[in-house]
């Protein structure tokens, strides 16, 4: 029997939300989020934290383990999955706000 991991479940949810587009799990070590993207992520994390009554840093810490590259749009999706707070959200980082490390230009 195959174990159904949190990562697989979140990836399936992201694929559902993004109409069956191909999603690829990416590691925080493999990407570079540009300053504009970092600011947008911080603002969004703070809003989510205030709405559900948790620390903003708890939301931010949860983001970087659940990141998915959506093909062909180039969007980076950060899944906020905190079942202990009943929280499942998807934050989008447009292609212009991030890139894979080692690349000198954007994906799109």
PDB file of N, CA and C in Angstrom:
ATOM      1  N   UNK A   1       0.834  -1.179   0.000  1.00  0.00           N
ATOM      2  CA  UNK A   1       0.000   0.000   0.000  1.00  0.00           C
ATOM      3  C   UNK A   1       0.887   1.254   0.000  1.00  0.00           C
ATOM      4  N   UNK A   2       0.624   2.181  -0.895  1.00  0.00           N
ATOM      5  CA  UNK A   2       1.422   3.392  -1.008  1.00  0.00           C
ATOM      6  C   UNK A   2       0.943   4.435   0.000  1.00  0.00           C
ATOM      7  N   UNK A   3       1.903   5.057   0.671  1.00  0.00           N
ATOM      8  CA  UNK A   3       1.580   6.088   1.647  1.00  0.00           C
ATOM      9  C   UNK A   3       1.189   7.371   0.918  1.00  0.00           C
ATOM     10  N   UNK A   4       0.124   7.980   1.369  1.00  0.00           N
ATOM     11  CA  UNK A   4      -0.360   9.229   0.788  1.00  0.00           C
ATOM     12  C   UNK A   4       0.217  10.370   1.601  1.00  0.00           C
ATOM     13  N   UNK A   5       1.216  11.049   1.060  1.00  0.00           N
ATOM     14  CA  UNK A   5       1.924  12.079   1.806  1.00  0.00           C
ATOM     15  C   UNK A   5       1.199  13.418   1.740  1.00  0.00           C
ATOM     16  N   UNK A   6       1.531  14.289   2.684  1.00  0.00           N
ATOM     17  CA  UNK A   6       0.996  15.646   2.670  1.00  0.00           C
ATOM     18  C   UNK A   6       1.384  16.329   1.364  1.00  0.00           C
ATOM     19  N   UNK A   7       2.640  16.148   0.951  1.00  0.00           N
ATOM     20  CA  UNK A   7       3.111  16.763  -0.293  1.00  0.00           C
ATOM     21  C   UNK A   7       2.256  16.320  -1.480  1.00  0.00           C
ATOM     22  N   UNK A   8       1.947  15.035  -1.573  1.00  0.00           N
ATOM     23  CA  UNK A   8       1.134  14.527  -2.677  1.00  0.00           C
ATOM     24  C   UNK A   8      -0.275  15.098  -2.616  1.00  0.00           C
ATOM     25  N   UNK A   9      -0.836  15.190  -1.412  1.00  0.00           N
ATOM     26  CA  UNK A   9      -2.174  15.731  -1.257  1.00  0.00           C
ATOM     27  C   UNK A   9      -2.222  17.199  -1.666  1.00  0.00           C
ATOM     28  N   UNK A  10      -1.226  17.979  -1.226  1.00  0.00           N
ATOM     29  CA  UNK A  10      -1.189  19.398  -1.573  1.00  0.00           C
ATOM     30  C   UNK A  10      -0.987  19.568  -3.075  1.00  0.00           C
ATOM     31  N   UNK A  11      -0.105  18.787  -3.672  1.00  0.00           N
ATOM     32  CA  UNK A  11       0.121  18.857  -5.124  1.00  0.00           C
ATOM     33  C   UNK A  11      -1.170  18.560  -5.885  1.00  0.00           C
ATOM     34  N   UNK A  12      -1.914  17.579  -5.428  1.00  0.00           N
ATOM     35  CA  UNK A  12      -3.185  17.235  -6.065  1.00  0.00           C
ATOM     36  C   UNK A  12      -4.171  18.407  -5.969  1.00  0.00           C
ATOM     37  N   UNK A  13      -4.221  19.051  -4.820  1.00  0.00           N
ATOM     38  CA  UNK A  13      -5.104  20.207  -4.636  1.00  0.00           C
ATOM     39  C   UNK A  13      -4.678  21.354  -5.547  1.00  0.00           C
ATOM     40  N   UNK A  14      -3.379  21.597  -5.662  1.00  0.00           N
ATOM     41  CA  UNK A  14      -2.890  22.667  -6.541  1.00  0.00           C
ATOM     42  C   UNK A  14      -3.275  22.356  -7.980  1.00  0.00           C
ATOM     43  N   UNK A  15      -3.106  21.113  -8.417  1.00  0.00           N
ATOM     44  CA  UNK A  15      -3.489  20.723  -9.778  1.00  0.00           C
ATOM     45  C   UNK A  15      -4.978  20.943 -10.006  1.00  0.00           C
ATOM     46  N   UNK A  16      -5.794  20.644  -8.997  1.00  0.00           N
ATOM     47  CA  UNK A  16      -7.234  20.846  -9.117  1.00  0.00           C
ATOM     48  C   UNK A  16      -7.548  22.330  -9.261  1.00  0.00           C
ATOM     49  N   UNK A  17      -6.949  23.152  -8.403  1.00  0.00           N
ATOM     50  CA  UNK A  17      -7.192  24.591  -8.448  1.00  0.00           C
ATOM     51  C   UNK A  17      -6.731  25.186  -9.775  1.00  0.00           C
ATOM     52  N   UNK A  18      -5.648  24.667 -10.321  1.00  0.00           N
ATOM     53  CA  UNK A  18      -5.094  25.208 -11.568  1.00  0.00           C
ATOM     54  C   UNK A  18      -5.529  24.394 -12.778  1.00  0.00           C
ATOM     55  N   UNK A  19      -6.728  23.892 -12.745  1.00  0.00           N
ATOM     56  CA  UNK A  19      -7.392  23.246 -13.886  1.00  0.00           C
ATOM     57  C   UNK A  19      -6.553  22.182 -14.566  1.00  0.00           C
ATOM     58  N   UNK A  20      -5.905  21.346 -13.794  1.00  0.00           N
ATOM     59  CA  UNK A  20      -5.170  20.238 -14.361  1.00  0.00           C
ATOM     60  C   UNK A  20      -3.848  20.598 -15.007  1.00  0.00           C
ATOM     61  N   UNK A  21      -3.375  21.850 -14.869  1.00  0.00           N
ATOM     62  CA  UNK A  21      -2.067  22.192 -15.399  1.00  0.00           C
ATOM     63  C   UNK A  21      -1.017  21.371 -14.663  1.00  0.00           C
ATOM     64  N   UNK A  22       0.101  21.145 -15.292  1.00  0.00           N
ATOM     65  CA  UNK A  22       1.177  20.384 -14.655  1.00  0.00           C
ATOM     66  C   UNK A  22       1.797  21.211 -13.545  1.00  0.00           C
ATOM     67  N   UNK A  23       1.911  20.630 -12.362  1.00  0.00           N
ATOM     68  CA  UNK A  23       2.573  21.305 -11.250  1.00  0.00           C
ATOM     69  C   UNK A  23       3.752  20.461 -10.797  1.00  0.00           C
ATOM     70  N   UNK A  24       4.857  21.137 -10.490  1.00  0.00           N
ATOM     71  CA  UNK A  24       6.079  20.462 -10.091  1.00  0.00           C
ATOM     72  C   UNK A  24       6.506  21.022  -8.742  1.00  0.00           C
ATOM     73  N   UNK A  25       6.704  20.149  -7.768  1.00  0.00           N
ATOM     74  CA  UNK A  25       7.164  20.585  -6.455  1.00  0.00           C
ATOM     75  C   UNK A  25       8.575  21.124  -6.599  1.00  0.00           C
ATOM     76  N   UNK A  26       8.840  22.295  -6.013  1.00  0.00           N
ATOM     77  CA  UNK A  26      10.173  22.881  -6.060  1.00  0.00           C
ATOM     78  C   UNK A  26      10.661  23.144  -4.639  1.00  0.00           C
ATOM     79  N   UNK A  27      11.955  23.099  -4.490  1.00  0.00           N
ATOM     80  CA  UNK A  27      12.590  23.348  -3.204  1.00  0.00           C
ATOM     81  C   UNK A  27      12.973  24.820  -3.096  1.00  0.00           C
ATOM     82  N   UNK A  28      12.870  25.363  -1.890  1.00  0.00           N
ATOM     83  CA  UNK A  28      13.284  26.747  -1.656  1.00  0.00           C
ATOM     84  C   UNK A  28      14.753  26.948  -2.013  1.00  0.00           C
ATOM     85  N   UNK A  29      15.546  25.898  -1.907  1.00  0.00           N
ATOM     86  CA  UNK A  29      16.975  26.001  -2.223  1.00  0.00           C
ATOM     87  C   UNK A  29      17.225  26.191  -3.719  1.00  0.00           C
ATOM     88  N   UNK A  30      16.228  25.899  -4.555  1.00  0.00           N
ATOM     89  CA  UNK A  30      16.393  25.957  -6.005  1.00  0.00           C
ATOM     90  C   UNK A  30      15.857  27.226  -6.648  1.00  0.00           C
ATOM     91  N   UNK A  31      15.257  28.109  -5.850  1.00  0.00           N
ATOM     92  CA  UNK A  31      14.650  29.296  -6.444  1.00  0.00           C
ATOM     93  C   UNK A  31      15.179  30.571  -5.812  1.00  0.00           C
ATOM     94  N   UNK A  32      14.945  31.656  -6.507  1.00  0.00           N
ATOM     95  CA  UNK A  32      15.286  32.982  -6.015  1.00  0.00           C
ATOM     96  C   UNK A  32      14.037  33.842  -6.163  1.00  0.00           C
ATOM     97  N   UNK A  33      13.548  34.350  -5.046  1.00  0.00           N
ATOM     98  CA  UNK A  33      12.390  35.238  -5.078  1.00  0.00           C
ATOM     99  C   UNK A  33      12.927  36.664  -5.047  1.00  0.00           C
ATOM    100  N   UNK A  34      12.529  37.454  -6.014  1.00  0.00           N
ATOM    101  CA  UNK A  34      12.998  38.823  -6.130  1.00  0.00           C
ATOM    102  C   UNK A  34      12.368  39.692  -5.045  1.00  0.00           C
ATOM    103  N   UNK A  35      12.935  40.855  -4.787  1.00  0.00           N
ATOM    104  CA  UNK A  35      12.505  41.709  -3.682  1.00  0.00           C
ATOM    105  C   UNK A  35      11.015  42.020  -3.736  1.00  0.00           C
ATOM    106  N   UNK A  36      10.496  42.338  -4.913  1.00  0.00           N
ATOM    107  CA  UNK A  36       9.068  42.634  -5.060  1.00  0.00           C
ATOM    108  C   UNK A  36       8.227  41.435  -4.603  1.00  0.00           C
ATOM    109  N   UNK A  37       8.673  40.241  -4.952  1.00  0.00           N
ATOM    110  CA  UNK A  37       7.974  39.031  -4.538  1.00  0.00           C
ATOM    111  C   UNK A  37       8.054  38.808  -3.045  1.00  0.00           C
ATOM    112  N   UNK A  38       9.217  39.060  -2.455  1.00  0.00           N
ATOM    113  CA  UNK A  38       9.381  38.900  -1.006  1.00  0.00           C
ATOM    114  C   UNK A  38       8.449  39.825  -0.236  1.00  0.00           C
ATOM    115  N   UNK A  39       8.343  41.059  -0.710  1.00  0.00           N
ATOM    116  CA  UNK A  39       7.457  42.017  -0.042  1.00  0.00           C
ATOM    117  C   UNK A  39       5.996  41.575  -0.148  1.00  0.00           C
ATOM    118  N   UNK A  40       5.612  41.108  -1.327  1.00  0.00           N
ATOM    119  CA  UNK A  40       4.232  40.654  -1.529  1.00  0.00           C
ATOM    120  C   UNK A  40       3.926  39.444  -0.649  1.00  0.00           C
ATOM    121  N   UNK A  41       4.875  38.525  -0.544  1.00  0.00           N
ATOM    122  CA  UNK A  41       4.685  37.338   0.303  1.00  0.00           C
ATOM    123  C   UNK A  41       4.537  37.747   1.758  1.00  0.00           C
ATOM    124  N   UNK A  42       5.378  38.657   2.225  1.00  0.00           N
ATOM    125  CA  UNK A  42       5.311  39.100   3.620  1.00  0.00           C
ATOM    126  C   UNK A  42       3.974  39.763   3.927  1.00  0.00           C
ATOM    127  N   UNK A  43       3.495  40.613   3.009  1.00  0.00           N
ATOM    128  CA  UNK A  43       2.191  41.271   3.218  1.00  0.00           C
ATOM    129  C   UNK A  43       1.064  40.246   3.267  1.00  0.00           C
ATOM    130  N   UNK A  44       1.087  39.311   2.339  1.00  0.00           N
ATOM    131  CA  UNK A  44       0.043  38.285   2.298  1.00  0.00           C
ATOM    132  C   UNK A  44       0.069  37.401   3.540  1.00  0.00           C
ATOM    133  N   UNK A  45       1.259  37.018   3.961  1.00  0.00           N
ATOM    134  CA  UNK A  45       1.389  36.169   5.155  1.00  0.00           C
ATOM    135  C   UNK A  45       0.843  36.881   6.381  1.00  0.00           C
ATOM    136  N   UNK A  46       1.108  38.166   6.495  1.00  0.00           N
ATOM    137  CA  UNK A  46       0.612  38.927   7.645  1.00  0.00           C
ATOM    138  C   UNK A  46      -0.912  38.997   7.635  1.00  0.00           C
ATOM    139  N   UNK A  47      -1.501  39.219   6.464  1.00  0.00           N
ATOM    140  CA  UNK A  47      -2.966  39.265   6.361  1.00  0.00           C
ATOM    141  C   UNK A  47      -3.584  37.923   6.748  1.00  0.00           C
ATOM    142  N   UNK A  48      -2.999  36.833   6.252  1.00  0.00           N
ATOM    143  CA  UNK A  48      -3.510  35.499   6.589  1.00  0.00           C
ATOM    144  C   UNK A  48      -3.379  35.257   8.085  1.00  0.00           C
ATOM    145  N   UNK A  49      -2.234  35.594   8.646  1.00  0.00           N
ATOM    146  CA  UNK A  49      -1.992  35.387  10.079  1.00  0.00           C
ATOM    147  C   UNK A  49      -3.008  36.137  10.924  1.00  0.00           C
ATOM    148  N   UNK A  50      -3.263  37.377  10.584  1.00  0.00           N
ATOM    149  CA  UNK A  50      -4.236  38.168  11.335  1.00  0.00           C
ATOM    150  C   UNK A  50      -5.633  37.572  11.219  1.00  0.00           C
ATOM    151  N   UNK A  51      -5.978  37.075  10.033  1.00  0.00           N
ATOM    152  CA  UNK A  51      -7.313  36.520   9.817  1.00  0.00           C
ATOM    153  C   UNK A  51      -7.563  35.248  10.619  1.00  0.00           C
ATOM    154  N   UNK A  52      -6.515  34.434  10.814  1.00  0.00           N
ATOM    155  CA  UNK A  52      -6.714  33.161  11.516  1.00  0.00           C
ATOM    156  C   UNK A  52      -6.136  33.155  12.925  1.00  0.00           C
ATOM    157  N   UNK A  53      -5.516  34.256  13.329  1.00  0.00           N
ATOM    158  CA  UNK A  53      -5.030  34.363  14.702  1.00  0.00           C
ATOM    159  C   UNK A  53      -3.750  33.613  15.001  1.00  0.00           C
ATOM    160  N   UNK A  54      -2.828  33.597  14.031  1.00  0.00           N
ATOM    161  CA  UNK A  54      -1.515  32.983  14.265  1.00  0.00           C
ATOM    162  C   UNK A  54      -0.439  34.027  13.991  1.00  0.00           C
ATOM    163  N   UNK A  55       0.792  33.703  14.341  1.00  0.00           N
ATOM    164  CA  UNK A  55       1.909  34.616  14.063  1.00  0.00           C
ATOM    165  C   UNK A  55       2.225  34.610  12.569  1.00  0.00           C
ATOM    166  N   UNK A  56       2.568  35.783  12.058  1.00  0.00           N
ATOM    167  CA  UNK A  56       2.932  35.892  10.646  1.00  0.00           C
ATOM    168  C   UNK A  56       4.089  34.986  10.284  1.00  0.00           C
ATOM    169  N   UNK A  57       5.061  34.848  11.188  1.00  0.00           N
ATOM    170  CA  UNK A  57       6.216  34.002  10.922  1.00  0.00           C
ATOM    171  C   UNK A  57       5.819  32.539  10.785  1.00  0.00           C
ATOM    172  N   UNK A  58       4.772  32.106  11.503  1.00  0.00           N
ATOM    173  CA  UNK A  58       4.291  30.724  11.368  1.00  0.00           C
ATOM    174  C   UNK A  58       3.762  30.469   9.965  1.00  0.00           C
ATOM    175  N   UNK A  59       3.076  31.449   9.411  1.00  0.00           N
ATOM    176  CA  UNK A  59       2.574  31.318   8.040  1.00  0.00           C
ATOM    177  C   UNK A  59       3.740  31.284   7.067  1.00  0.00           C
ATOM    178  N   UNK A  60       4.685  32.204   7.217  1.00  0.00           N
ATOM    179  CA  UNK A  60       5.851  32.261   6.322  1.00  0.00           C
ATOM    180  C   UNK A  60       6.627  30.949   6.373  1.00  0.00           C
ATOM    181  N   UNK A  61       6.862  30.424   7.569  1.00  0.00           N
ATOM    182  CA  UNK A  61       7.602  29.159   7.706  1.00  0.00           C
ATOM    183  C   UNK A  61       6.900  28.023   6.981  1.00  0.00           C
ATOM    184  N   UNK A  62       5.580  28.042   6.967  1.00  0.00           N
ATOM    185  CA  UNK A  62       4.810  26.985   6.310  1.00  0.00           C
ATOM    186  C   UNK A  62       4.879  27.083   4.799  1.00  0.00           C
ATOM    187  N   UNK A  63       5.080  28.274   4.270  1.00  0.00           N
ATOM    188  CA  UNK A  63       5.068  28.484   2.815  1.00  0.00           C
ATOM    189  C   UNK A  63       6.157  27.739   2.075  1.00  0.00           C
ATOM    190  N   UNK A  64       7.366  27.774   2.604  1.00  0.00           N
ATOM    191  CA  UNK A  64       8.514  27.347   1.812  1.00  0.00           C
ATOM    192  C   UNK A  64       8.676  25.838   1.684  1.00  0.00           C
ATOM    193  N   UNK A  65       7.872  25.061   2.379  1.00  0.00           N
ATOM    194  CA  UNK A  65       7.910  23.612   2.202  1.00  0.00           C
ATOM    195  C   UNK A  65       6.925  23.115   1.168  1.00  0.00           C
ATOM    196  N   UNK A  66       6.030  23.985   0.735  1.00  0.00           N
ATOM    197  CA  UNK A  66       4.955  23.588  -0.177  1.00  0.00           C
ATOM    198  C   UNK A  66       4.890  24.519  -1.369  1.00  0.00           C
ATOM    199  N   UNK A  67       5.938  24.478  -2.197  1.00  0.00           N
ATOM    200  CA  UNK A  67       5.986  25.357  -3.362  1.00  0.00           C
ATOM    201  C   UNK A  67       5.917  24.529  -4.645  1.00  0.00           C
ATOM    202  N   UNK A  68       5.164  25.069  -5.594  1.00  0.00           N
ATOM    203  CA  UNK A  68       4.937  24.355  -6.842  1.00  0.00           C
ATOM    204  C   UNK A  68       5.069  25.305  -8.023  1.00  0.00           C
ATOM    205  N   UNK A  69       5.785  24.852  -9.037  1.00  0.00           N
ATOM    206  CA  UNK A  69       5.923  25.562 -10.302  1.00  0.00           C
ATOM    207  C   UNK A  69       4.782  25.079 -11.193  1.00  0.00           C
ATOM    208  N   UNK A  70       3.979  26.023 -11.688  1.00  0.00           N
ATOM    209  CA  UNK A  70       2.841  25.672 -12.539  1.00  0.00           C
ATOM    210  C   UNK A  70       3.235  25.901 -13.984  1.00  0.00           C
ATOM    211  N   UNK A  71       3.197  24.825 -14.770  1.00  0.00           N
ATOM    212  CA  UNK A  71       3.508  24.923 -16.202  1.00  0.00           C
ATOM    213  C   UNK A  71       2.200  25.019 -16.970  1.00  0.00           C
ATOM    214  N   UNK A  72       2.088  25.767 -17.993  1.00  0.00           N
ATOM    215  CA  UNK A  72       3.121  26.569 -18.638  1.00  0.00           C
ATOM    216  C   UNK A  72       3.148  28.028 -18.181  1.00  0.00           C
ATOM    217  N   UNK A  73       2.351  28.407 -17.199  1.00  0.00           N
ATOM    218  CA  UNK A  73       2.234  29.828 -16.831  1.00  0.00           C
ATOM    219  C   UNK A  73       3.487  30.410 -16.195  1.00  0.00           C
ATOM    220  N   UNK A  74       4.309  29.568 -15.548  1.00  0.00           N
ATOM    221  CA  UNK A  74       5.496  30.069 -14.866  1.00  0.00           C
ATOM    222  C   UNK A  74       5.216  30.569 -13.465  1.00  0.00           C
ATOM    223  N   UNK A  75       3.977  30.478 -13.030  1.00  0.00           N
ATOM    224  CA  UNK A  75       3.593  30.914 -11.695  1.00  0.00           C
ATOM    225  C   UNK A  75       4.190  29.987 -10.649  1.00  0.00           C
ATOM    226  N   UNK A  76       4.623  30.559  -9.549  1.00  0.00           N
ATOM    227  CA  UNK A  76       5.056  29.787  -8.392  1.00  0.00           C
ATOM    228  C   UNK A  76       3.906  29.839  -7.393  1.00  0.00           C
ATOM    229  N   UNK A  77       3.419  28.684  -6.998  1.00  0.00           N
ATOM    230  CA  UNK A  77       2.319  28.611  -6.037  1.00  0.00           C
ATOM    231  C   UNK A  77       2.880  28.142  -4.707  1.00  0.00           C
ATOM    232  N   UNK A  78       2.575  28.898  -3.670  1.00  0.00           N
ATOM    233  CA  UNK A  78       2.984  28.531  -2.314  1.00  0.00           C
ATOM    234  C   UNK A  78       1.712  28.110  -1.588  1.00  0.00           C
ATOM    235  N   UNK A  79       1.657  26.845  -1.227  1.00  0.00           N
ATOM    236  CA  UNK A  79       0.481  26.320  -0.540  1.00  0.00           C
ATOM    237  C   UNK A  79       0.644  26.523   0.960  1.00  0.00           C
ATOM    238  N   UNK A  80      -0.309  27.211   1.535  1.00  0.00           N
ATOM    239  CA  UNK A  80      -0.328  27.405   2.983  1.00  0.00           C
ATOM    240  C   UNK A  80      -1.249  26.334   3.537  1.00  0.00           C
ATOM    241  N   UNK A  81      -0.652  25.322   4.138  1.00  0.00           N
ATOM    242  CA  UNK A  81      -1.422  24.185   4.643  1.00  0.00           C
ATOM    243  C   UNK A  81      -1.158  24.049   6.135  1.00  0.00           C
ATOM    244  N   UNK A  82      -2.119  24.477   6.935  1.00  0.00           N
ATOM    245  CA  UNK A  82      -2.019  24.398   8.390  1.00  0.00           C
ATOM    246  C   UNK A  82      -3.311  23.778   8.909  1.00  0.00           C
ATOM    247  N   UNK A  83      -3.433  22.445   8.810  1.00  0.00           N
ATOM    248  CA  UNK A  83      -4.698  21.796   9.180  1.00  0.00           C
ATOM    249  C   UNK A  83      -5.095  22.034  10.632  1.00  0.00           C
ATOM    250  N   UNK A  84      -4.111  22.255  11.500  1.00  0.00           N
ATOM    251  CA  UNK A  84      -4.433  22.498  12.898  1.00  0.00           C
ATOM    252  C   UNK A  84      -5.206  23.803  13.090  1.00  0.00           C
ATOM    253  N   UNK A  85      -5.172  24.676  12.075  1.00  0.00           N
ATOM    254  CA  UNK A  85      -5.918  25.935  12.110  1.00  0.00           C
ATOM    255  C   UNK A  85      -7.013  25.958  11.045  1.00  0.00           C
ATOM    256  N   UNK A  86      -7.240  24.807  10.394  1.00  0.00           N
ATOM    257  CA  UNK A  86      -8.245  24.732   9.340  1.00  0.00           C
ATOM    258  C   UNK A  86      -7.905  25.601   8.141  1.00  0.00           C
ATOM    259  N   UNK A  87      -6.620  25.722   7.853  1.00  0.00           N
ATOM    260  CA  UNK A  87      -6.161  26.654   6.837  1.00  0.00           C
ATOM    261  C   UNK A  87      -5.569  25.930   5.634  1.00  0.00           C
ATOM    262  N   UNK A  88      -6.109  26.235   4.466  1.00  0.00           N
ATOM    263  CA  UNK A  88      -5.574  25.742   3.201  1.00  0.00           C
ATOM    264  C   UNK A  88      -5.775  26.831   2.160  1.00  0.00           C
ATOM    265  N   UNK A  89      -4.690  27.537   1.857  1.00  0.00           N
ATOM    266  CA  UNK A  89      -4.735  28.634   0.896  1.00  0.00           C
ATOM    267  C   UNK A  89      -3.593  28.481  -0.099  1.00  0.00           C
ATOM    268  N   UNK A  90      -3.734  29.161  -1.230  1.00  0.00           N
ATOM    269  CA  UNK A  90      -2.692  29.129  -2.237  1.00  0.00           C
ATOM    270  C   UNK A  90      -2.298  30.556  -2.590  1.00  0.00           C
ATOM    271  N   UNK A  91      -1.022  30.885  -2.389  1.00  0.00           N
ATOM    272  CA  UNK A  91      -0.501  32.208  -2.726  1.00  0.00           C
ATOM    273  C   UNK A  91       0.280  32.092  -4.031  1.00  0.00           C
ATOM    274  N   UNK A  92      -0.003  32.984  -4.970  1.00  0.00           N
ATOM    275  CA  UNK A  92       0.672  32.967  -6.256  1.00  0.00           C
ATOM    276  C   UNK A  92       1.787  33.997  -6.293  1.00  0.00           C
ATOM    277  N   UNK A  93       2.916  33.579  -6.831  1.00  0.00           N
ATOM    278  CA  UNK A  93       4.028  34.490  -7.089  1.00  0.00           C
ATOM    279  C   UNK A  93       4.205  34.489  -8.610  1.00  0.00           C
ATOM    280  N   UNK A  94       3.856  35.604  -9.274  1.00  0.00           N
ATOM    281  CA  UNK A  94       3.963  35.648 -10.737  1.00  0.00           C
ATOM    282  C   UNK A  94       5.395  35.402 -11.210  1.00  0.00           C
ATOM    283  N   UNK A  95       5.525  34.915 -12.413  1.00  0.00           N
ATOM    284  CA  UNK A  95       6.835  34.567 -12.982  1.00  0.00           C
ATOM    285  C   UNK A  95       7.823  35.728 -12.943  1.00  0.00           C
ATOM    286  N   UNK A  96       7.338  36.957 -13.035  1.00  0.00           N
ATOM    287  CA  UNK A  96       8.248  38.113 -13.043  1.00  0.00           C
ATOM    288  C   UNK A  96       8.863  38.379 -11.669  1.00  0.00           C
ATOM    289  N   UNK A  97       8.357  37.706 -10.623  1.00  0.00           N
ATOM    290  CA  UNK A  97       8.834  37.943  -9.258  1.00  0.00           C
ATOM    291  C   UNK A  97       9.753  36.851  -8.721  1.00  0.00           C
ATOM    292  N   UNK A  98      10.060  35.861  -9.549  1.00  0.00           N
ATOM    293  CA  UNK A  98      10.923  34.780  -9.082  1.00  0.00           C
ATOM    294  C   UNK A  98      11.602  34.120 -10.273  1.00  0.00           C
ATOM    295  N   UNK A  99      12.630  33.332  -9.987  1.00  0.00           N
ATOM    296  CA  UNK A  99      13.315  32.561 -11.018  1.00  0.00           C
ATOM    297  C   UNK A  99      14.020  31.382 -10.361  1.00  0.00           C
ATOM    298  N   UNK A 100      14.402  30.422 -11.169  1.00  0.00           N
ATOM    299  CA  UNK A 100      15.243  29.328 -10.647  1.00  0.00           C
ATOM    300  C   UNK A 100      16.648  29.859 -10.483  1.00  0.00           C
ATOM    301  N   UNK A 101      17.344  29.456  -9.442  1.00  0.00           N
ATOM    302  CA  UNK A 101      18.732  29.895  -9.228  1.00  0.00           C
ATOM    303  C   UNK A 101      19.584  29.437 -10.412  1.00  0.00           C
ATOM    304  N   UNK A 102      20.538  30.271 -10.758  1.00  0.00           N
ATOM    305  CA  UNK A 102      21.438  29.929 -11.850  1.00  0.00           C
ATOM    306  C   UNK A 102      20.951  30.379 -13.210  1.00  0.00           C
ATOM    307  N   UNK A 103      19.733  30.913 -13.276  1.00  0.00           N
ATOM    308  CA  UNK A 103      19.239  31.417 -14.548  1.00  0.00           C
ATOM    309  C   UNK A 103      19.305  32.921 -14.529  1.00  0.00           C
ATOM    310  N   UNK A 104      19.715  33.491 -15.644  1.00  0.00           N
ATOM    311  CA  UNK A 104      19.889  34.934 -15.690  1.00  0.00           C
ATOM    312  C   UNK A 104      18.651  35.651 -16.225  1.00  0.00           C
ATOM    313  N   UNK A 105      17.628  34.900 -16.583  1.00  0.00           N
ATOM    314  CA  UNK A 105      16.403  35.547 -17.074  1.00  0.00           C
ATOM    315  C   UNK A 105      15.193  34.801 -16.528  1.00  0.00           C
ATOM    316  N   UNK A 106      14.031  35.410 -16.673  1.00  0.00           N
ATOM    317  CA  UNK A 106      12.801  34.822 -16.171  1.00  0.00           C
ATOM    318  C   UNK A 106      12.366  33.639 -17.034  1.00  0.00           C
ATOM    319  N   UNK A 107      11.529  32.831 -16.461  1.00  0.00           N
ATOM    320  CA  UNK A 107      11.071  31.638 -17.164  1.00  0.00           C
ATOM    321  C   UNK A 107      10.128  31.973 -18.324  1.00  0.00           C
ATOM    322  N   UNK A 108       9.318  33.002 -18.148  1.00  0.00           N
ATOM    323  CA  UNK A 108       8.346  33.343 -19.195  1.00  0.00           C
ATOM    324  C   UNK A 108       8.840  34.503 -20.001  1.00  0.00           C
TER     325      UNK A 108
END
